[in-house]
């Protein structure tokens, strides 16, 4: 089994509508995101996936989140938790890669995006792992 990981970051504001505590108030984070791809086979060039392709697609997804109020994005249903952000990033990455004829979903034999980590701080991380 092979695994590669890329990382990027973005800054955004949010609040948690159904949370009772300080996070129910509008606040911001400098999020760090790690995307992991794993698979059993390599391409002709000896790579699971080209780092530059994965980094570019991650940057495209994060550019839509950067310097926004995440509560304005319907997907989050007014509760843009780190868990939901990780899921959103996974779904958008799979969608964008499929458009480029690069399927890295769970059904792919080439490899798959196995997990997405979203750090709100250096000490707090949420992870999305797609169901097998």
N, C-alpha and C. Protein backbone atom coordinates (compact mmCIF):
# COMPACT_ATOMS: atom_id res chain seq x y z
N UNK A 1 0.86 -1.18 0.00
CA UNK A 1 0.00 0.00 0.00
C UNK A 1 0.89 1.23 0.00
N UNK A 2 0.54 2.19 -0.83
CA UNK A 2 1.24 3.48 -0.91
C UNK A 2 0.31 4.56 -0.39
N UNK A 3 0.90 5.61 0.17
CA UNK A 3 0.12 6.76 0.62
C UNK A 3 0.91 8.02 0.35
N UNK A 4 0.22 9.05 -0.14
CA UNK A 4 0.80 10.38 -0.27
C UNK A 4 -0.09 11.35 0.49
N UNK A 5 0.50 12.47 0.89
CA UNK A 5 -0.25 13.49 1.61
C UNK A 5 0.19 14.85 1.12
N UNK A 6 -0.78 15.72 0.90
CA UNK A 6 -0.49 17.12 0.60
C UNK A 6 -1.18 17.97 1.65
N UNK A 7 -0.72 19.20 1.79
CA UNK A 7 -1.34 20.10 2.76
C UNK A 7 -1.44 21.50 2.18
N UNK A 8 -2.40 22.22 2.70
CA UNK A 8 -2.59 23.63 2.35
C UNK A 8 -3.36 24.26 3.50
N UNK A 9 -3.67 25.53 3.38
CA UNK A 9 -4.39 26.21 4.45
C UNK A 9 -5.31 27.26 3.88
N UNK A 10 -6.21 27.73 4.74
CA UNK A 10 -7.11 28.83 4.39
C UNK A 10 -7.57 29.48 5.67
N UNK A 11 -8.06 30.69 5.56
CA UNK A 11 -8.59 31.43 6.70
C UNK A 11 -10.07 31.69 6.44
N UNK A 12 -10.88 31.51 7.48
CA UNK A 12 -12.32 31.73 7.32
C UNK A 12 -12.95 31.98 8.68
N UNK A 13 -14.13 32.57 8.64
CA UNK A 13 -14.93 32.82 9.83
C UNK A 13 -16.09 31.83 9.86
N UNK A 14 -16.61 31.59 11.04
CA UNK A 14 -17.81 30.77 11.19
C UNK A 14 -18.36 30.93 12.60
N UNK A 15 -19.55 30.40 12.77
CA UNK A 15 -20.13 30.24 14.10
C UNK A 15 -20.97 28.96 14.04
N UNK A 16 -21.21 28.37 15.19
CA UNK A 16 -21.98 27.14 15.26
C UNK A 16 -23.35 27.46 15.85
N UNK A 17 -24.35 27.40 15.00
CA UNK A 17 -25.71 27.81 15.37
C UNK A 17 -26.29 26.97 16.50
N UNK A 18 -26.04 25.68 16.50
CA UNK A 18 -26.64 24.79 17.48
C UNK A 18 -25.68 24.39 18.59
N UNK A 19 -24.72 25.25 18.86
CA UNK A 19 -23.73 25.01 19.90
C UNK A 19 -23.94 26.07 20.98
N UNK A 20 -23.81 25.69 22.23
CA UNK A 20 -23.99 26.65 23.31
C UNK A 20 -22.67 26.81 24.04
N UNK A 21 -22.01 27.91 23.76
CA UNK A 21 -20.70 28.21 24.30
C UNK A 21 -20.07 29.27 23.42
N UNK A 22 -18.78 29.49 23.62
CA UNK A 22 -18.14 30.60 22.91
C UNK A 22 -18.13 30.42 21.40
N UNK A 23 -18.21 29.19 20.89
CA UNK A 23 -18.18 28.97 19.44
C UNK A 23 -19.49 29.30 18.75
N UNK A 24 -20.52 29.67 19.53
CA UNK A 24 -21.76 30.11 18.90
C UNK A 24 -21.63 31.56 18.40
N UNK A 25 -20.57 32.23 18.81
CA UNK A 25 -20.30 33.59 18.33
C UNK A 25 -19.41 33.53 17.10
N UNK A 26 -19.58 34.50 16.23
CA UNK A 26 -18.76 34.58 15.03
C UNK A 26 -17.29 34.71 15.42
N UNK A 27 -16.45 33.87 14.84
CA UNK A 27 -15.01 33.89 15.09
C UNK A 27 -14.30 33.28 13.89
N UNK A 28 -12.99 33.34 13.88
CA UNK A 28 -12.26 32.84 12.72
C UNK A 28 -11.15 31.88 13.10
N UNK A 29 -10.68 31.16 12.08
CA UNK A 29 -9.56 30.23 12.23
C UNK A 29 -8.65 30.33 11.02
N UNK A 30 -7.40 30.01 11.23
CA UNK A 30 -6.47 29.75 10.14
C UNK A 30 -6.38 28.23 10.05
N UNK A 31 -7.18 27.66 9.16
CA UNK A 31 -7.29 26.21 9.03
C UNK A 31 -6.10 25.64 8.27
N UNK A 32 -5.67 24.47 8.68
CA UNK A 32 -4.68 23.70 7.94
C UNK A 32 -5.36 22.41 7.50
N UNK A 33 -5.14 22.02 6.25
CA UNK A 33 -5.81 20.85 5.69
C UNK A 33 -4.77 19.87 5.15
N UNK A 34 -4.92 18.60 5.51
CA UNK A 34 -4.11 17.51 4.96
C UNK A 34 -5.04 16.59 4.18
N UNK A 35 -4.64 16.23 2.97
CA UNK A 35 -5.38 15.26 2.16
C UNK A 35 -4.48 14.07 1.92
N UNK A 36 -4.99 12.88 2.23
CA UNK A 36 -4.25 11.62 2.08
C UNK A 36 -4.85 10.82 0.93
N UNK A 37 -4.00 10.29 0.07
CA UNK A 37 -4.41 9.39 -1.00
C UNK A 37 -3.66 8.09 -0.80
N UNK A 38 -4.37 6.96 -0.92
CA UNK A 38 -3.71 5.67 -0.79
C UNK A 38 -4.13 4.74 -1.92
N UNK A 39 -3.26 3.81 -2.23
CA UNK A 39 -3.56 2.84 -3.28
C UNK A 39 -2.48 1.78 -3.35
N UNK A 40 -2.79 0.72 -4.09
CA UNK A 40 -1.88 -0.42 -4.22
C UNK A 40 -0.98 -0.37 -5.44
N UNK A 41 -1.34 0.46 -6.41
CA UNK A 41 -0.55 0.45 -7.65
C UNK A 41 -0.11 1.87 -8.03
N UNK A 42 1.00 1.92 -8.72
CA UNK A 42 1.57 3.18 -9.18
C UNK A 42 1.38 3.30 -10.68
N UNK A 43 1.40 4.54 -11.18
CA UNK A 43 1.29 4.75 -12.62
C UNK A 43 2.63 4.46 -13.30
N UNK A 44 2.67 4.69 -14.61
CA UNK A 44 3.88 4.42 -15.38
C UNK A 44 5.08 5.21 -14.88
N UNK A 45 4.83 6.36 -14.30
CA UNK A 45 5.90 7.21 -13.78
C UNK A 45 6.31 6.87 -12.36
N UNK A 46 5.70 5.82 -11.79
CA UNK A 46 6.03 5.41 -10.44
C UNK A 46 5.33 6.21 -9.36
N UNK A 47 4.21 6.87 -9.70
CA UNK A 47 3.50 7.70 -8.73
C UNK A 47 2.09 7.19 -8.51
N UNK A 48 1.61 7.37 -7.30
CA UNK A 48 0.22 7.09 -6.99
C UNK A 48 -0.66 8.18 -7.60
N UNK A 49 -0.28 9.42 -7.35
CA UNK A 49 -0.90 10.60 -7.97
C UNK A 49 0.17 11.68 -7.98
N UNK A 50 0.16 12.49 -8.99
CA UNK A 50 1.12 13.58 -9.11
C UNK A 50 0.83 14.60 -8.01
N UNK A 51 1.83 14.87 -7.17
CA UNK A 51 1.65 15.85 -6.09
C UNK A 51 1.10 17.17 -6.63
N UNK A 52 1.62 17.63 -7.77
CA UNK A 52 1.21 18.94 -8.28
C UNK A 52 -0.27 18.95 -8.65
N UNK A 53 -0.80 17.85 -9.16
CA UNK A 53 -2.22 17.77 -9.50
C UNK A 53 -3.06 17.84 -8.23
N UNK A 54 -2.69 17.04 -7.24
CA UNK A 54 -3.45 17.02 -6.00
C UNK A 54 -3.38 18.36 -5.27
N UNK A 55 -2.20 18.98 -5.24
CA UNK A 55 -2.05 20.29 -4.60
C UNK A 55 -2.90 21.34 -5.31
N UNK A 56 -2.89 21.32 -6.64
CA UNK A 56 -3.66 22.30 -7.41
C UNK A 56 -5.16 22.15 -7.14
N UNK A 57 -5.64 20.91 -7.13
CA UNK A 57 -7.07 20.70 -6.90
C UNK A 57 -7.47 21.05 -5.47
N UNK A 58 -6.60 20.76 -4.51
CA UNK A 58 -6.88 21.17 -3.13
C UNK A 58 -6.93 22.69 -3.04
N UNK A 59 -5.99 23.36 -3.66
CA UNK A 59 -5.97 24.83 -3.65
C UNK A 59 -7.26 25.39 -4.28
N UNK A 60 -7.75 24.76 -5.36
CA UNK A 60 -8.99 25.21 -5.99
C UNK A 60 -10.17 25.09 -5.04
N UNK A 61 -10.25 23.99 -4.31
CA UNK A 61 -11.35 23.80 -3.36
C UNK A 61 -11.24 24.82 -2.23
N UNK A 62 -10.05 24.98 -1.69
CA UNK A 62 -9.88 25.89 -0.55
C UNK A 62 -10.06 27.35 -0.94
N UNK A 63 -9.80 27.69 -2.18
CA UNK A 63 -9.98 29.08 -2.62
C UNK A 63 -11.44 29.52 -2.50
N UNK A 64 -12.37 28.57 -2.58
CA UNK A 64 -13.79 28.89 -2.43
C UNK A 64 -14.18 29.09 -0.96
N UNK A 65 -13.32 28.64 -0.05
CA UNK A 65 -13.59 28.79 1.38
C UNK A 65 -12.81 29.94 2.00
N UNK A 66 -11.70 30.29 1.38
CA UNK A 66 -10.78 31.27 1.96
C UNK A 66 -11.41 32.64 2.11
N UNK A 67 -11.25 33.22 3.28
CA UNK A 67 -11.75 34.56 3.62
C UNK A 67 -13.26 34.70 3.38
N UNK A 68 -13.99 33.66 3.80
CA UNK A 68 -15.44 33.70 3.72
C UNK A 68 -16.01 33.48 5.12
N UNK A 69 -17.31 33.70 5.23
CA UNK A 69 -18.05 33.24 6.40
C UNK A 69 -18.62 31.90 5.98
N UNK A 70 -18.13 30.83 6.55
CA UNK A 70 -18.52 29.48 6.15
C UNK A 70 -20.01 29.23 6.35
N UNK A 71 -20.65 29.98 7.23
CA UNK A 71 -22.09 29.83 7.44
C UNK A 71 -22.89 30.22 6.21
N UNK A 72 -22.28 30.96 5.29
CA UNK A 72 -22.97 31.35 4.06
C UNK A 72 -23.02 30.22 3.03
N UNK A 73 -22.32 29.12 3.28
CA UNK A 73 -22.29 28.00 2.34
C UNK A 73 -23.36 27.00 2.77
N UNK A 74 -24.33 26.75 1.89
CA UNK A 74 -25.50 25.95 2.21
C UNK A 74 -25.14 24.55 2.71
N UNK A 75 -24.09 23.95 2.20
CA UNK A 75 -23.69 22.60 2.59
C UNK A 75 -23.58 22.44 4.10
N UNK A 76 -23.14 23.47 4.79
CA UNK A 76 -22.87 23.37 6.22
C UNK A 76 -24.10 23.53 7.11
N UNK A 77 -25.23 23.87 6.55
CA UNK A 77 -26.48 23.99 7.29
C UNK A 77 -26.33 24.85 8.54
N UNK A 78 -25.59 25.95 8.41
CA UNK A 78 -25.37 26.90 9.50
C UNK A 78 -24.52 26.35 10.64
N UNK A 79 -23.93 25.18 10.45
CA UNK A 79 -23.06 24.59 11.47
C UNK A 79 -21.78 24.06 10.80
N UNK A 80 -20.90 24.97 10.39
CA UNK A 80 -19.67 24.56 9.70
C UNK A 80 -18.60 24.08 10.68
N UNK A 81 -18.84 22.91 11.24
CA UNK A 81 -17.86 22.31 12.14
C UNK A 81 -16.65 21.84 11.33
N UNK A 82 -15.57 21.59 12.01
CA UNK A 82 -14.37 21.08 11.33
C UNK A 82 -14.68 19.74 10.65
N UNK A 83 -15.54 18.93 11.27
CA UNK A 83 -15.92 17.65 10.67
C UNK A 83 -16.63 17.85 9.34
N UNK A 84 -17.57 18.78 9.30
CA UNK A 84 -18.30 19.05 8.05
C UNK A 84 -17.39 19.69 7.01
N UNK A 85 -16.46 20.51 7.43
CA UNK A 85 -15.52 21.12 6.50
C UNK A 85 -14.66 20.02 5.85
N UNK A 86 -14.20 19.06 6.64
CA UNK A 86 -13.40 17.96 6.10
C UNK A 86 -14.20 17.15 5.08
N UNK A 87 -15.46 16.87 5.38
CA UNK A 87 -16.32 16.14 4.44
C UNK A 87 -16.52 16.94 3.16
N UNK A 88 -16.79 18.22 3.28
CA UNK A 88 -16.98 19.10 2.12
C UNK A 88 -15.75 19.07 1.22
N UNK A 89 -14.58 19.20 1.82
CA UNK A 89 -13.34 19.20 1.03
C UNK A 89 -13.18 17.87 0.30
N UNK A 90 -13.45 16.76 0.98
CA UNK A 90 -13.38 15.45 0.34
C UNK A 90 -14.31 15.39 -0.87
N UNK A 91 -15.57 15.74 -0.68
CA UNK A 91 -16.55 15.64 -1.77
C UNK A 91 -16.18 16.53 -2.95
N UNK A 92 -15.74 17.74 -2.68
CA UNK A 92 -15.35 18.65 -3.77
C UNK A 92 -14.11 18.15 -4.50
N UNK A 93 -13.14 17.60 -3.77
CA UNK A 93 -11.94 17.07 -4.41
C UNK A 93 -12.29 15.90 -5.33
N UNK A 94 -13.09 14.97 -4.85
CA UNK A 94 -13.50 13.83 -5.67
C UNK A 94 -14.22 14.32 -6.92
N UNK A 95 -15.14 15.26 -6.75
CA UNK A 95 -15.90 15.82 -7.87
C UNK A 95 -14.96 16.47 -8.89
N UNK A 96 -14.02 17.28 -8.43
CA UNK A 96 -13.11 17.98 -9.33
C UNK A 96 -12.17 17.01 -10.04
N UNK A 97 -11.67 16.01 -9.34
CA UNK A 97 -10.77 15.04 -9.97
C UNK A 97 -11.50 14.19 -11.00
N UNK A 98 -12.76 13.84 -10.74
CA UNK A 98 -13.54 13.07 -11.71
C UNK A 98 -13.72 13.87 -12.99
N UNK A 99 -13.91 15.18 -12.88
CA UNK A 99 -14.05 16.02 -14.07
C UNK A 99 -12.80 15.99 -14.92
N UNK A 100 -11.68 15.67 -14.33
CA UNK A 100 -10.40 15.58 -15.04
C UNK A 100 -10.07 14.13 -15.38
N UNK A 101 -11.11 13.27 -15.34
CA UNK A 101 -10.94 11.83 -15.60
C UNK A 101 -9.92 11.20 -14.67
N UNK A 102 -9.87 11.67 -13.44
CA UNK A 102 -9.01 11.11 -12.41
C UNK A 102 -9.90 10.73 -11.23
N UNK A 103 -10.34 9.50 -11.21
CA UNK A 103 -11.26 9.05 -10.16
C UNK A 103 -10.46 8.60 -8.94
N UNK A 104 -10.56 9.32 -7.86
CA UNK A 104 -9.92 8.94 -6.60
C UNK A 104 -10.95 8.79 -5.50
N UNK A 105 -12.15 8.31 -5.90
CA UNK A 105 -13.19 8.01 -4.92
C UNK A 105 -12.97 6.60 -4.40
N UNK A 106 -13.81 6.17 -3.50
CA UNK A 106 -13.66 4.83 -2.92
C UNK A 106 -13.80 3.72 -3.94
N UNK A 107 -14.52 3.96 -5.03
CA UNK A 107 -14.73 2.93 -6.04
C UNK A 107 -13.58 2.83 -7.04
N UNK A 108 -12.59 3.68 -6.92
CA UNK A 108 -11.50 3.71 -7.89
C UNK A 108 -10.50 2.58 -7.63
N UNK A 109 -10.03 1.98 -8.71
CA UNK A 109 -8.98 0.97 -8.59
C UNK A 109 -7.59 1.61 -8.63
N UNK A 110 -7.51 2.89 -9.01
CA UNK A 110 -6.23 3.60 -9.10
C UNK A 110 -5.69 4.05 -7.75
N UNK A 111 -6.56 4.22 -6.82
CA UNK A 111 -6.24 4.79 -5.53
C UNK A 111 -7.44 5.59 -5.07
N UNK A 112 -7.39 6.05 -3.84
CA UNK A 112 -8.54 6.79 -3.33
C UNK A 112 -8.08 7.83 -2.33
N UNK A 113 -8.88 8.87 -2.20
CA UNK A 113 -8.67 9.82 -1.11
C UNK A 113 -9.15 9.10 0.14
N UNK A 114 -8.23 8.78 1.03
CA UNK A 114 -8.55 7.94 2.18
C UNK A 114 -8.97 8.73 3.40
N UNK A 115 -8.51 9.97 3.50
CA UNK A 115 -8.91 10.80 4.64
C UNK A 115 -8.55 12.25 4.38
N UNK A 116 -9.29 13.12 5.04
CA UNK A 116 -9.04 14.56 4.99
C UNK A 116 -9.02 15.05 6.43
N UNK A 117 -7.92 15.70 6.80
CA UNK A 117 -7.77 16.28 8.13
C UNK A 117 -7.94 17.79 8.05
N UNK A 118 -8.69 18.35 8.97
CA UNK A 118 -8.86 19.79 9.08
C UNK A 118 -8.48 20.19 10.49
N UNK A 119 -7.44 21.02 10.60
CA UNK A 119 -6.99 21.53 11.89
C UNK A 119 -7.53 22.94 12.07
N UNK A 120 -8.29 23.16 13.15
CA UNK A 120 -8.70 24.52 13.51
C UNK A 120 -7.57 25.23 14.24
N UNK A 121 -6.81 24.47 14.99
CA UNK A 121 -5.63 24.98 15.69
C UNK A 121 -4.56 23.89 15.57
N UNK A 122 -3.38 24.16 16.07
CA UNK A 122 -2.33 23.14 16.05
C UNK A 122 -2.71 21.92 16.87
N UNK A 123 -3.59 22.10 17.84
CA UNK A 123 -3.93 21.02 18.76
C UNK A 123 -5.28 20.36 18.48
N UNK A 124 -6.10 20.95 17.62
CA UNK A 124 -7.46 20.44 17.39
C UNK A 124 -7.67 20.09 15.93
N UNK A 125 -7.96 18.80 15.70
CA UNK A 125 -8.13 18.29 14.34
C UNK A 125 -9.40 17.48 14.25
N UNK A 126 -10.09 17.60 13.10
CA UNK A 126 -11.19 16.70 12.75
C UNK A 126 -10.76 15.95 11.49
N UNK A 127 -11.21 14.73 11.37
CA UNK A 127 -10.83 13.90 10.22
C UNK A 127 -12.10 13.33 9.60
N UNK A 128 -12.17 13.39 8.26
CA UNK A 128 -13.22 12.70 7.52
C UNK A 128 -12.60 11.51 6.82
N UNK A 129 -13.18 10.34 7.07
CA UNK A 129 -12.77 9.10 6.40
C UNK A 129 -14.00 8.57 5.68
N UNK A 130 -13.96 8.51 4.35
CA UNK A 130 -15.15 8.02 3.63
C UNK A 130 -15.43 6.56 3.98
N UNK A 131 -16.70 6.22 4.05
CA UNK A 131 -17.09 4.84 4.37
C UNK A 131 -16.64 3.91 3.27
N UNK A 132 -16.24 2.72 3.66
CA UNK A 132 -15.77 1.73 2.68
C UNK A 132 -16.89 0.89 2.17
